[in-house]
Amino acid sequence: MHSEAIGSIQEGMSREDAYARLMELPENKVGEIIAGELIVSPRPASPHTVAAGTLGMDLGTPFQRGRGGPGGWWILPEPELHLGEDVLVPDLAGWRVERMPTVPNVAAFTLAPDWLCEVLSPSTSSLDRIRKMPIYARAGVRDAWLIDPLARFLESYQLQDGKWLRLGAWSEDDRPRVEPFAEIELELQALWLPRTER
C-alpha cells in the first residue's frame, strides 16, 4: 500500500475541512497535510517500528533523561507538527530544552523541532525525501536523519543557508557518532530486524 492524496484544498476543501478529515482517519492510518493535500499513509510495518522505537530509546535515555549522557532534550515519537499550513508527523523529533523548557500539554506542536528523524518505508520514502524535507528546511529544523531499515542505512543532514547539507551516511553494523547526538555512539545493528534465511 502506498501513500495517497485523498483531498486537496485547491479542489475546494478548506484547511479546516482537511484537518477534520485527518482527525477522522482510522488508527491504522497516518494523515498529513502537505501543500494543501491530505496525504494518508498506512501505519508502518515492523522493520520501521523497530528502527524508530529502538532509536527513540537509545537517544531518550542519555539525551532526555540524562542517564549516560548530557540530557537537555525532549525526544518524542510521532509528534504532530503544525508548520505553517502544513501538518507533518515525523517518526521522531527532538527539541532542545533551552528552546522548549517543558513539553506543553497540546495535541500538536507549532514550534519546529531542532532535530527529527524520518524512517523510510517503501510507501513513504519519496514523500519523506521530496515533499517533507523542504518543509522542514523552511521551518528551520537544524538536523534531520533519514533511516532506511530495509536497506540498513542512516543519512544525516544539517541545515546550512536554508539548504540541506548531507553530513554523512552509515550502514549495516557501523557505530557512528552523529550530530546533534555525537556524545554517544549509535549501534546501527540494533535498529535492523535480523536477516531471514532464503
N, C-alpha and C. Protein backbone atom coordinates (compact mmCIF):
# COMPACT_ATOMS: atom_id res chain seq x y z
N MET A 1 0.85 -1.18 0.00
CA MET A 1 0.00 0.00 0.00
C MET A 1 0.89 1.24 0.00
N HIS A 2 0.47 2.26 -0.70
CA HIS A 2 1.25 3.48 -0.82
C HIS A 2 0.49 4.66 -0.23
N SER A 3 1.24 5.74 0.01
CA SER A 3 0.60 6.98 0.43
C SER A 3 -0.28 7.48 -0.70
N GLU A 4 -1.37 8.13 -0.33
CA GLU A 4 -2.24 8.67 -1.36
C GLU A 4 -2.81 10.00 -0.91
N ALA A 5 -3.01 10.89 -1.86
CA ALA A 5 -3.67 12.16 -1.58
C ALA A 5 -5.16 11.92 -1.70
N ILE A 6 -5.90 12.20 -0.62
CA ILE A 6 -7.34 11.96 -0.68
C ILE A 6 -8.16 13.25 -0.65
N GLY A 7 -7.49 14.39 -0.57
CA GLY A 7 -8.23 15.64 -0.61
C GLY A 7 -7.27 16.78 -0.88
N SER A 8 -7.75 17.83 -1.47
CA SER A 8 -6.89 18.95 -1.78
C SER A 8 -7.61 20.25 -1.48
N ILE A 9 -6.92 21.15 -0.81
CA ILE A 9 -7.52 22.45 -0.52
C ILE A 9 -7.80 23.18 -1.83
N GLN A 10 -6.93 22.99 -2.85
CA GLN A 10 -7.15 23.64 -4.13
C GLN A 10 -8.46 23.18 -4.79
N GLU A 11 -8.94 21.99 -4.43
CA GLU A 11 -10.18 21.48 -5.01
C GLU A 11 -11.39 21.92 -4.20
N GLY A 12 -11.22 22.93 -3.37
CA GLY A 12 -12.35 23.47 -2.65
C GLY A 12 -12.42 23.08 -1.19
N MET A 13 -11.51 22.26 -0.73
CA MET A 13 -11.51 21.87 0.68
C MET A 13 -10.70 22.89 1.49
N SER A 14 -11.28 23.42 2.53
CA SER A 14 -10.55 24.35 3.38
C SER A 14 -9.55 23.57 4.22
N ARG A 15 -8.56 24.29 4.76
CA ARG A 15 -7.60 23.63 5.64
C ARG A 15 -8.31 23.01 6.83
N GLU A 16 -9.32 23.71 7.34
CA GLU A 16 -10.08 23.19 8.48
C GLU A 16 -10.81 21.90 8.11
N ASP A 17 -11.37 21.86 6.90
CA ASP A 17 -12.03 20.63 6.44
C ASP A 17 -11.03 19.50 6.27
N ALA A 18 -9.86 19.82 5.69
CA ALA A 18 -8.83 18.80 5.51
C ALA A 18 -8.38 18.26 6.87
N TYR A 19 -8.21 19.16 7.84
CA TYR A 19 -7.78 18.72 9.17
C TYR A 19 -8.88 17.90 9.84
N ALA A 20 -10.13 18.28 9.64
CA ALA A 20 -11.23 17.49 10.21
C ALA A 20 -11.22 16.08 9.63
N ARG A 21 -10.96 15.95 8.33
CA ARG A 21 -10.86 14.62 7.72
C ARG A 21 -9.67 13.86 8.26
N LEU A 22 -8.56 14.57 8.49
CA LEU A 22 -7.37 13.93 9.06
C LEU A 22 -7.70 13.34 10.43
N MET A 23 -8.43 14.09 11.24
CA MET A 23 -8.77 13.63 12.59
C MET A 23 -9.72 12.43 12.58
N GLU A 24 -10.45 12.25 11.48
CA GLU A 24 -11.41 11.15 11.37
C GLU A 24 -10.78 9.86 10.84
N LEU A 25 -9.49 9.90 10.49
CA LEU A 25 -8.85 8.71 9.93
C LEU A 25 -8.80 7.59 10.96
N PRO A 26 -8.90 6.34 10.52
CA PRO A 26 -8.76 5.23 11.46
C PRO A 26 -7.35 5.16 12.03
N GLU A 27 -7.20 4.47 13.16
CA GLU A 27 -5.91 4.43 13.85
C GLU A 27 -4.83 3.71 13.05
N ASN A 28 -5.20 2.93 12.04
CA ASN A 28 -4.19 2.24 11.25
C ASN A 28 -3.69 3.09 10.08
N LYS A 29 -4.01 4.38 10.08
CA LYS A 29 -3.56 5.32 9.05
C LYS A 29 -2.87 6.51 9.69
N VAL A 30 -1.94 7.11 8.95
CA VAL A 30 -1.28 8.34 9.36
C VAL A 30 -1.66 9.40 8.35
N GLY A 31 -2.17 10.53 8.83
CA GLY A 31 -2.57 11.61 7.93
C GLY A 31 -1.66 12.82 8.09
N GLU A 32 -1.34 13.45 6.96
CA GLU A 32 -0.55 14.67 6.95
C GLU A 32 -1.15 15.60 5.91
N ILE A 33 -0.97 16.89 6.10
CA ILE A 33 -1.42 17.88 5.11
C ILE A 33 -0.18 18.55 4.56
N ILE A 34 0.05 18.36 3.26
CA ILE A 34 1.26 18.87 2.62
C ILE A 34 0.85 19.66 1.39
N ALA A 35 1.18 20.93 1.39
CA ALA A 35 0.86 21.82 0.27
C ALA A 35 -0.62 21.71 -0.12
N GLY A 36 -1.47 21.65 0.89
CA GLY A 36 -2.89 21.64 0.64
C GLY A 36 -3.51 20.28 0.41
N GLU A 37 -2.72 19.23 0.34
CA GLU A 37 -3.25 17.89 0.12
C GLU A 37 -3.28 17.11 1.43
N LEU A 38 -4.35 16.39 1.64
CA LEU A 38 -4.42 15.45 2.75
C LEU A 38 -3.82 14.14 2.27
N ILE A 39 -2.67 13.79 2.81
CA ILE A 39 -1.94 12.59 2.42
C ILE A 39 -2.18 11.53 3.49
N VAL A 40 -2.59 10.35 3.08
CA VAL A 40 -2.87 9.26 4.00
C VAL A 40 -1.89 8.12 3.72
N SER A 41 -1.21 7.68 4.75
CA SER A 41 -0.25 6.59 4.64
C SER A 41 -0.65 5.47 5.58
N PRO A 42 -0.28 4.23 5.24
CA PRO A 42 -0.55 3.13 6.15
C PRO A 42 0.35 3.21 7.37
N ARG A 43 -0.07 2.64 8.47
CA ARG A 43 0.81 2.51 9.63
C ARG A 43 2.01 1.68 9.22
N PRO A 44 3.19 1.99 9.72
CA PRO A 44 4.39 1.29 9.27
C PRO A 44 4.44 -0.17 9.72
N ALA A 45 5.20 -0.95 8.96
CA ALA A 45 5.42 -2.37 9.28
C ALA A 45 6.53 -2.50 10.32
N SER A 46 6.78 -3.72 10.74
CA SER A 46 7.69 -3.97 11.86
C SER A 46 9.13 -3.48 11.64
N PRO A 47 9.75 -3.57 10.45
CA PRO A 47 11.11 -3.02 10.33
C PRO A 47 11.17 -1.54 10.67
N HIS A 48 10.14 -0.81 10.27
CA HIS A 48 10.04 0.62 10.53
C HIS A 48 9.87 0.89 12.03
N THR A 49 8.93 0.18 12.66
CA THR A 49 8.65 0.45 14.08
C THR A 49 9.80 0.02 14.98
N VAL A 50 10.50 -1.06 14.62
CA VAL A 50 11.67 -1.47 15.41
C VAL A 50 12.76 -0.39 15.32
N ALA A 51 13.03 0.10 14.11
CA ALA A 51 14.07 1.13 13.96
C ALA A 51 13.71 2.39 14.74
N ALA A 52 12.48 2.89 14.59
CA ALA A 52 12.07 4.12 15.28
C ALA A 52 12.05 3.92 16.80
N GLY A 53 11.49 2.80 17.25
CA GLY A 53 11.39 2.56 18.68
C GLY A 53 12.74 2.40 19.34
N THR A 54 13.63 1.65 18.71
CA THR A 54 14.97 1.43 19.28
C THR A 54 15.76 2.73 19.31
N LEU A 55 15.69 3.50 18.21
CA LEU A 55 16.41 4.77 18.19
C LEU A 55 15.87 5.72 19.25
N GLY A 56 14.55 5.75 19.41
CA GLY A 56 13.95 6.59 20.44
C GLY A 56 14.46 6.24 21.83
N MET A 57 14.57 4.94 22.12
CA MET A 57 15.10 4.53 23.43
C MET A 57 16.57 4.88 23.56
N ASP A 58 17.34 4.63 22.50
CA ASP A 58 18.78 4.89 22.55
C ASP A 58 19.09 6.36 22.75
N LEU A 59 18.28 7.24 22.18
CA LEU A 59 18.50 8.68 22.35
C LEU A 59 17.83 9.22 23.60
N GLY A 60 16.67 8.68 23.95
CA GLY A 60 15.92 9.20 25.07
C GLY A 60 16.62 9.06 26.41
N THR A 61 17.28 7.92 26.62
CA THR A 61 17.94 7.71 27.91
C THR A 61 19.05 8.74 28.17
N PRO A 62 20.02 8.91 27.26
CA PRO A 62 21.09 9.87 27.55
C PRO A 62 20.71 11.33 27.32
N PHE A 63 19.83 11.59 26.36
CA PHE A 63 19.59 12.99 25.99
C PHE A 63 18.33 13.58 26.60
N GLN A 64 17.33 12.77 26.87
CA GLN A 64 16.15 13.30 27.56
C GLN A 64 16.26 13.08 29.05
N ARG A 65 16.64 11.86 29.45
CA ARG A 65 16.68 11.55 30.88
C ARG A 65 18.03 11.89 31.51
N GLY A 66 19.06 12.11 30.70
CA GLY A 66 20.37 12.46 31.24
C GLY A 66 21.10 11.28 31.86
N ARG A 67 20.74 10.07 31.54
CA ARG A 67 21.42 8.87 32.05
C ARG A 67 22.46 8.43 31.03
N GLY A 68 23.73 8.55 31.39
CA GLY A 68 24.80 8.20 30.47
C GLY A 68 25.00 9.22 29.37
N GLY A 69 24.45 10.39 29.55
CA GLY A 69 24.58 11.45 28.54
C GLY A 69 24.26 12.80 29.14
N PRO A 70 24.28 13.84 28.32
CA PRO A 70 24.17 15.21 28.83
C PRO A 70 22.77 15.68 29.15
N GLY A 71 21.72 14.96 28.73
CA GLY A 71 20.37 15.49 28.90
C GLY A 71 20.16 16.70 28.01
N GLY A 72 19.15 17.51 28.35
CA GLY A 72 18.93 18.75 27.63
C GLY A 72 18.03 18.68 26.42
N TRP A 73 17.36 17.53 26.21
CA TRP A 73 16.49 17.36 25.05
C TRP A 73 15.15 16.76 25.47
N TRP A 74 14.14 16.99 24.63
CA TRP A 74 12.89 16.24 24.64
C TRP A 74 12.88 15.44 23.34
N ILE A 75 12.79 14.13 23.44
CA ILE A 75 12.74 13.25 22.27
C ILE A 75 11.36 12.62 22.24
N LEU A 76 10.57 12.91 21.21
CA LEU A 76 9.18 12.46 21.16
C LEU A 76 8.90 11.63 19.92
N PRO A 77 8.14 10.53 20.07
CA PRO A 77 7.76 9.74 18.91
C PRO A 77 6.52 10.30 18.23
N GLU A 78 6.57 10.36 16.92
CA GLU A 78 5.44 10.75 16.07
C GLU A 78 4.68 11.99 16.55
N PRO A 79 5.37 13.09 16.82
CA PRO A 79 4.62 14.30 17.18
C PRO A 79 3.95 14.89 15.95
N GLU A 80 2.77 15.45 16.15
CA GLU A 80 2.10 16.16 15.06
C GLU A 80 2.64 17.59 15.05
N LEU A 81 3.22 17.97 13.93
CA LEU A 81 3.81 19.30 13.78
C LEU A 81 2.95 20.15 12.86
N HIS A 82 2.57 21.34 13.33
CA HIS A 82 1.87 22.30 12.50
C HIS A 82 2.89 23.37 12.11
N LEU A 83 3.40 23.25 10.89
CA LEU A 83 4.44 24.15 10.39
C LEU A 83 3.83 24.99 9.29
N GLY A 84 3.36 26.17 9.66
CA GLY A 84 2.61 26.99 8.71
C GLY A 84 1.32 26.27 8.36
N GLU A 85 1.05 26.13 7.07
CA GLU A 85 -0.16 25.45 6.60
C GLU A 85 -0.01 23.94 6.56
N ASP A 86 1.20 23.44 6.76
CA ASP A 86 1.47 22.01 6.64
C ASP A 86 1.35 21.31 7.99
N VAL A 87 0.85 20.09 7.95
CA VAL A 87 0.73 19.24 9.14
C VAL A 87 1.54 17.98 8.85
N LEU A 88 2.63 17.80 9.58
CA LEU A 88 3.55 16.69 9.34
C LEU A 88 3.72 15.86 10.60
N VAL A 89 4.03 14.58 10.39
CA VAL A 89 4.24 13.67 11.52
C VAL A 89 5.54 12.90 11.28
N PRO A 90 6.68 13.42 11.77
CA PRO A 90 7.93 12.67 11.65
C PRO A 90 7.90 11.48 12.60
N ASP A 91 8.77 10.52 12.36
CA ASP A 91 8.81 9.35 13.24
C ASP A 91 9.36 9.69 14.62
N LEU A 92 10.34 10.55 14.68
CA LEU A 92 10.89 11.04 15.95
C LEU A 92 11.24 12.51 15.76
N ALA A 93 11.15 13.27 16.84
CA ALA A 93 11.58 14.66 16.80
C ALA A 93 12.15 15.03 18.16
N GLY A 94 13.09 15.97 18.15
CA GLY A 94 13.72 16.40 19.39
C GLY A 94 13.81 17.91 19.47
N TRP A 95 13.54 18.42 20.65
CA TRP A 95 13.66 19.85 20.94
C TRP A 95 14.69 20.04 22.04
N ARG A 96 15.56 21.00 21.88
CA ARG A 96 16.48 21.35 22.97
C ARG A 96 15.67 22.02 24.09
N VAL A 97 16.01 21.68 25.31
CA VAL A 97 15.28 22.21 26.46
C VAL A 97 15.37 23.74 26.52
N GLU A 98 16.47 24.32 26.05
CA GLU A 98 16.54 25.79 26.10
C GLU A 98 15.52 26.45 25.17
N ARG A 99 15.06 25.73 24.13
CA ARG A 99 14.01 26.27 23.25
C ARG A 99 12.62 25.88 23.71
N MET A 100 12.48 24.71 24.32
CA MET A 100 11.19 24.25 24.81
C MET A 100 11.42 23.70 26.22
N PRO A 101 11.36 24.57 27.23
CA PRO A 101 11.71 24.16 28.59
C PRO A 101 10.88 23.00 29.13
N THR A 102 9.59 22.97 28.78
CA THR A 102 8.73 21.86 29.17
C THR A 102 7.91 21.45 27.95
N VAL A 103 7.46 20.20 27.97
CA VAL A 103 6.60 19.74 26.88
C VAL A 103 5.19 20.25 27.16
N PRO A 104 4.64 21.06 26.26
CA PRO A 104 3.29 21.59 26.51
C PRO A 104 2.24 20.49 26.39
N ASN A 105 1.13 20.67 27.08
CA ASN A 105 0.02 19.73 27.01
C ASN A 105 -0.85 20.10 25.81
N VAL A 106 -0.41 19.66 24.62
CA VAL A 106 -1.09 20.01 23.37
C VAL A 106 -1.19 18.78 22.49
N ALA A 107 -2.12 18.83 21.54
CA ALA A 107 -2.24 17.74 20.57
C ALA A 107 -1.24 17.89 19.43
N ALA A 108 -0.79 19.13 19.17
CA ALA A 108 0.12 19.40 18.06
C ALA A 108 1.10 20.49 18.46
N PHE A 109 2.27 20.44 17.85
CA PHE A 109 3.34 21.39 18.16
C PHE A 109 3.48 22.39 17.02
N THR A 110 3.56 23.67 17.37
CA THR A 110 3.80 24.70 16.37
C THR A 110 5.26 25.16 16.37
N LEU A 111 6.00 24.83 17.40
CA LEU A 111 7.43 25.12 17.46
C LEU A 111 8.17 24.01 16.72
N ALA A 112 8.89 24.38 15.66
CA ALA A 112 9.63 23.38 14.88
C ALA A 112 10.69 22.73 15.76
N PRO A 113 10.90 21.43 15.60
CA PRO A 113 11.93 20.76 16.39
C PRO A 113 13.33 21.17 15.94
N ASP A 114 14.30 20.87 16.79
CA ASP A 114 15.70 21.10 16.45
C ASP A 114 16.26 19.96 15.61
N TRP A 115 15.72 18.77 15.82
CA TRP A 115 16.16 17.56 15.13
C TRP A 115 14.94 16.70 14.85
N LEU A 116 15.00 15.96 13.76
CA LEU A 116 13.95 14.97 13.52
C LEU A 116 14.53 13.81 12.74
N CYS A 117 13.77 12.73 12.77
CA CYS A 117 14.16 11.52 12.04
C CYS A 117 12.94 10.98 11.31
N GLU A 118 13.12 10.71 10.05
CA GLU A 118 12.12 10.01 9.26
C GLU A 118 12.67 8.62 8.97
N VAL A 119 11.89 7.60 9.31
CA VAL A 119 12.24 6.22 8.97
C VAL A 119 11.52 5.90 7.67
N LEU A 120 12.30 5.58 6.66
CA LEU A 120 11.76 5.40 5.32
C LEU A 120 11.10 4.03 5.18
N SER A 121 9.93 4.03 4.57
CA SER A 121 9.23 2.81 4.20
C SER A 121 9.07 2.83 2.69
N PRO A 122 8.88 1.68 2.06
CA PRO A 122 8.66 1.70 0.61
C PRO A 122 7.51 2.61 0.20
N SER A 123 6.48 2.71 1.04
CA SER A 123 5.32 3.52 0.68
C SER A 123 5.49 5.01 0.96
N THR A 124 6.50 5.39 1.75
CA THR A 124 6.63 6.80 2.14
C THR A 124 7.97 7.43 1.80
N SER A 125 8.90 6.68 1.23
CA SER A 125 10.25 7.19 1.02
C SER A 125 10.27 8.46 0.18
N SER A 126 9.58 8.47 -0.96
CA SER A 126 9.60 9.67 -1.80
C SER A 126 8.88 10.83 -1.12
N LEU A 127 7.81 10.56 -0.40
CA LEU A 127 7.11 11.60 0.34
C LEU A 127 8.05 12.25 1.36
N ASP A 128 8.76 11.42 2.12
CA ASP A 128 9.67 11.94 3.14
C ASP A 128 10.80 12.75 2.52
N ARG A 129 11.41 12.24 1.47
CA ARG A 129 12.57 12.89 0.87
C ARG A 129 12.20 14.13 0.06
N ILE A 130 11.19 14.00 -0.79
CA ILE A 130 10.93 15.03 -1.79
C ILE A 130 9.97 16.11 -1.29
N ARG A 131 8.96 15.73 -0.55
CA ARG A 131 7.96 16.71 -0.15
C ARG A 131 8.16 17.25 1.27
N LYS A 132 8.56 16.38 2.21
CA LYS A 132 8.64 16.82 3.60
C LYS A 132 9.96 17.51 3.93
N MET A 133 11.08 17.05 3.39
CA MET A 133 12.37 17.66 3.74
C MET A 133 12.41 19.16 3.42
N PRO A 134 11.88 19.64 2.28
CA PRO A 134 11.88 21.09 2.05
C PRO A 134 11.03 21.85 3.07
N ILE A 135 9.95 21.25 3.54
CA ILE A 135 9.12 21.91 4.55
C ILE A 135 9.89 22.03 5.85
N TYR A 136 10.58 20.97 6.23
CA TYR A 136 11.40 21.02 7.45
C TYR A 136 12.48 22.09 7.32
N ALA A 137 13.07 22.23 6.14
CA ALA A 137 14.09 23.27 5.94
C ALA A 137 13.48 24.65 6.10
N ARG A 138 12.32 24.89 5.48
CA ARG A 138 11.66 26.20 5.61
C ARG A 138 11.32 26.52 7.06
N ALA A 139 10.99 25.50 7.84
CA ALA A 139 10.63 25.70 9.24
C ALA A 139 11.85 25.93 10.13
N GLY A 140 13.05 25.69 9.59
CA GLY A 140 14.27 25.92 10.36
C GLY A 140 14.74 24.76 11.21
N VAL A 141 14.27 23.54 10.91
CA VAL A 141 14.80 22.36 11.61
C VAL A 141 16.29 22.28 11.30
N ARG A 142 17.13 22.15 12.33
CA ARG A 142 18.57 22.23 12.09
C ARG A 142 19.18 20.92 11.62
N ASP A 143 18.73 19.80 12.18
CA ASP A 143 19.31 18.50 11.85
C ASP A 143 18.21 17.51 11.50
N ALA A 144 18.45 16.69 10.48
CA ALA A 144 17.48 15.67 10.08
C ALA A 144 18.21 14.38 9.73
N TRP A 145 17.63 13.29 10.18
CA TRP A 145 18.16 11.97 9.84
C TRP A 145 17.12 11.23 9.01
N LEU A 146 17.59 10.47 8.04
CA LEU A 146 16.77 9.53 7.29
C LEU A 146 17.33 8.13 7.54
N ILE A 147 16.46 7.23 7.95
CA ILE A 147 16.87 5.86 8.21
C ILE A 147 16.06 4.94 7.32
N ASP A 148 16.74 4.02 6.65
CA ASP A 148 16.06 3.00 5.85
C ASP A 148 16.33 1.65 6.49
N PRO A 149 15.34 1.06 7.18
CA PRO A 149 15.58 -0.19 7.88
C PRO A 149 15.68 -1.40 6.95
N LEU A 150 15.23 -1.29 5.71
CA LEU A 150 15.36 -2.41 4.77
C LEU A 150 16.72 -2.37 4.07
N ALA A 151 17.13 -1.18 3.63
CA ALA A 151 18.46 -1.02 3.04
C ALA A 151 19.54 -0.90 4.10
N ARG A 152 19.14 -0.70 5.36
CA ARG A 152 20.05 -0.67 6.52
C ARG A 152 21.07 0.46 6.44
N PHE A 153 20.55 1.69 6.37
CA PHE A 153 21.46 2.83 6.42
C PHE A 153 20.83 4.00 7.14
N LEU A 154 21.69 4.90 7.62
CA LEU A 154 21.30 6.17 8.23
C LEU A 154 22.03 7.27 7.48
N GLU A 155 21.28 8.30 7.08
CA GLU A 155 21.86 9.50 6.48
C GLU A 155 21.60 10.68 7.41
N SER A 156 22.58 11.56 7.53
CA SER A 156 22.45 12.73 8.38
C SER A 156 22.57 14.00 7.53
N TYR A 157 21.65 14.95 7.80
CA TYR A 157 21.63 16.23 7.09
C TYR A 157 21.62 17.36 8.10
N GLN A 158 22.24 18.47 7.72
CA GLN A 158 22.21 19.67 8.55
C GLN A 158 21.83 20.85 7.68
N LEU A 159 21.00 21.72 8.24
CA LEU A 159 20.53 22.89 7.50
C LEU A 159 21.63 23.96 7.51
N GLN A 160 22.04 24.38 6.32
CA GLN A 160 23.04 25.44 6.18
C GLN A 160 22.59 26.38 5.07
N ASP A 161 22.44 27.64 5.41
CA ASP A 161 21.97 28.66 4.46
C ASP A 161 20.66 28.25 3.81
N GLY A 162 19.77 27.66 4.61
CA GLY A 162 18.44 27.31 4.13
C GLY A 162 18.38 26.05 3.28
N LYS A 163 19.49 25.34 3.14
CA LYS A 163 19.52 24.13 2.32
C LYS A 163 20.12 22.98 3.13
N TRP A 164 19.70 21.77 2.77
CA TRP A 164 20.21 20.59 3.47
C TRP A 164 21.60 20.21 2.95
N LEU A 165 22.54 20.08 3.87
CA LEU A 165 23.88 19.58 3.56
C LEU A 165 23.99 18.18 4.13
N ARG A 166 24.32 17.23 3.29
CA ARG A 166 24.47 15.84 3.75
C ARG A 166 25.79 15.71 4.49
N LEU A 167 25.71 15.38 5.78
CA LEU A 167 26.91 15.26 6.61
C LEU A 167 27.56 13.90 6.48
N GLY A 168 26.76 12.87 6.21
CA GLY A 168 27.34 11.55 6.09
C GLY A 168 26.27 10.48 6.03
N ALA A 169 26.74 9.26 5.77
CA ALA A 169 25.86 8.10 5.73
C ALA A 169 26.61 6.91 6.31
N TRP A 170 25.86 6.06 7.01
CA TRP A 170 26.43 4.89 7.66
C TRP A 170 25.48 3.73 7.45
N SER A 171 26.03 2.51 7.47
CA SER A 171 25.17 1.38 7.18
C SER A 171 25.51 0.15 8.01
N GLU A 172 24.63 -0.84 7.88
CA GLU A 172 24.79 -2.17 8.47
C GLU A 172 25.13 -2.12 9.95
N ASP A 173 26.39 -2.47 10.31
CA ASP A 173 26.77 -2.54 11.72
C ASP A 173 27.74 -1.43 12.11
N ASP A 174 27.73 -0.31 11.38
CA ASP A 174 28.56 0.84 11.76
C ASP A 174 28.15 1.33 13.15
N ARG A 175 29.07 2.01 13.81
CA ARG A 175 28.81 2.57 15.13
C ARG A 175 29.22 4.06 15.11
N PRO A 176 28.45 4.88 14.39
CA PRO A 176 28.84 6.28 14.22
C PRO A 176 28.46 7.16 15.40
N ARG A 177 29.09 8.32 15.43
CA ARG A 177 28.69 9.41 16.31
C ARG A 177 28.16 10.50 15.38
N VAL A 178 26.88 10.81 15.52
CA VAL A 178 26.20 11.64 14.53
C VAL A 178 25.60 12.87 15.21
N GLU A 179 25.88 14.04 14.64
CA GLU A 179 25.29 15.28 15.15
C GLU A 179 23.77 15.24 15.01
N PRO A 180 23.03 15.78 15.95
CA PRO A 180 23.46 16.56 17.12
C PRO A 180 23.67 15.71 18.39
N PHE A 181 23.77 14.39 18.20
CA PHE A 181 23.90 13.48 19.35
C PHE A 181 25.24 12.76 19.34
N ALA A 182 26.30 13.47 18.95
CA ALA A 182 27.61 12.85 18.78
C ALA A 182 28.26 12.45 20.10
N GLU A 183 27.65 12.80 21.23
CA GLU A 183 28.23 12.38 22.53
C GLU A 183 28.12 10.87 22.73
N ILE A 184 27.24 10.22 22.00
CA ILE A 184 27.12 8.77 22.14
C ILE A 184 27.39 8.10 20.80
N GLU A 185 27.74 6.83 20.88
CA GLU A 185 27.95 6.00 19.69
C GLU A 185 26.66 5.25 19.41
N LEU A 186 26.17 5.36 18.21
CA LEU A 186 24.96 4.64 17.82
C LEU A 186 25.32 3.22 17.40
N GLU A 187 24.51 2.29 17.82
CA GLU A 187 24.69 0.90 17.41
C GLU A 187 23.64 0.61 16.33
N LEU A 188 24.03 0.84 15.08
CA LEU A 188 23.06 0.73 14.00
C LEU A 188 22.47 -0.68 13.88
N GLN A 189 23.25 -1.69 14.15
CA GLN A 189 22.75 -3.05 14.00
C GLN A 189 21.51 -3.31 14.86
N ALA A 190 21.39 -2.59 15.97
CA ALA A 190 20.22 -2.76 16.84
C ALA A 190 18.94 -2.22 16.19
N LEU A 191 19.07 -1.42 15.15
CA LEU A 191 17.90 -0.83 14.50
C LEU A 191 17.27 -1.75 13.46
N TRP A 192 17.99 -2.79 13.06
CA TRP A 192 17.52 -3.63 11.95
C TRP A 192 16.95 -4.95 12.47
N LEU A 193 15.92 -5.44 11.81
CA LEU A 193 15.45 -6.80 12.09
C LEU A 193 16.50 -7.80 11.61
N PRO A 194 16.58 -8.97 12.25
CA PRO A 194 17.54 -9.97 11.76
C PRO A 194 17.23 -10.35 10.32
N ARG A 195 18.29 -10.63 9.57
CA ARG A 195 18.09 -11.09 8.20
C ARG A 195 17.47 -12.48 8.23
N THR A 196 16.53 -12.72 7.33
CA THR A 196 15.93 -14.05 7.24
C THR A 196 16.66 -14.88 6.22
N GLU A 197 16.77 -16.15 6.50
CA GLU A 197 17.44 -17.04 5.56
C GLU A 197 16.54 -17.29 4.36
N ARG A 198 17.14 -17.38 3.19
CA ARG A 198 16.34 -17.61 1.97
C ARG A 198 16.41 -19.06 1.59
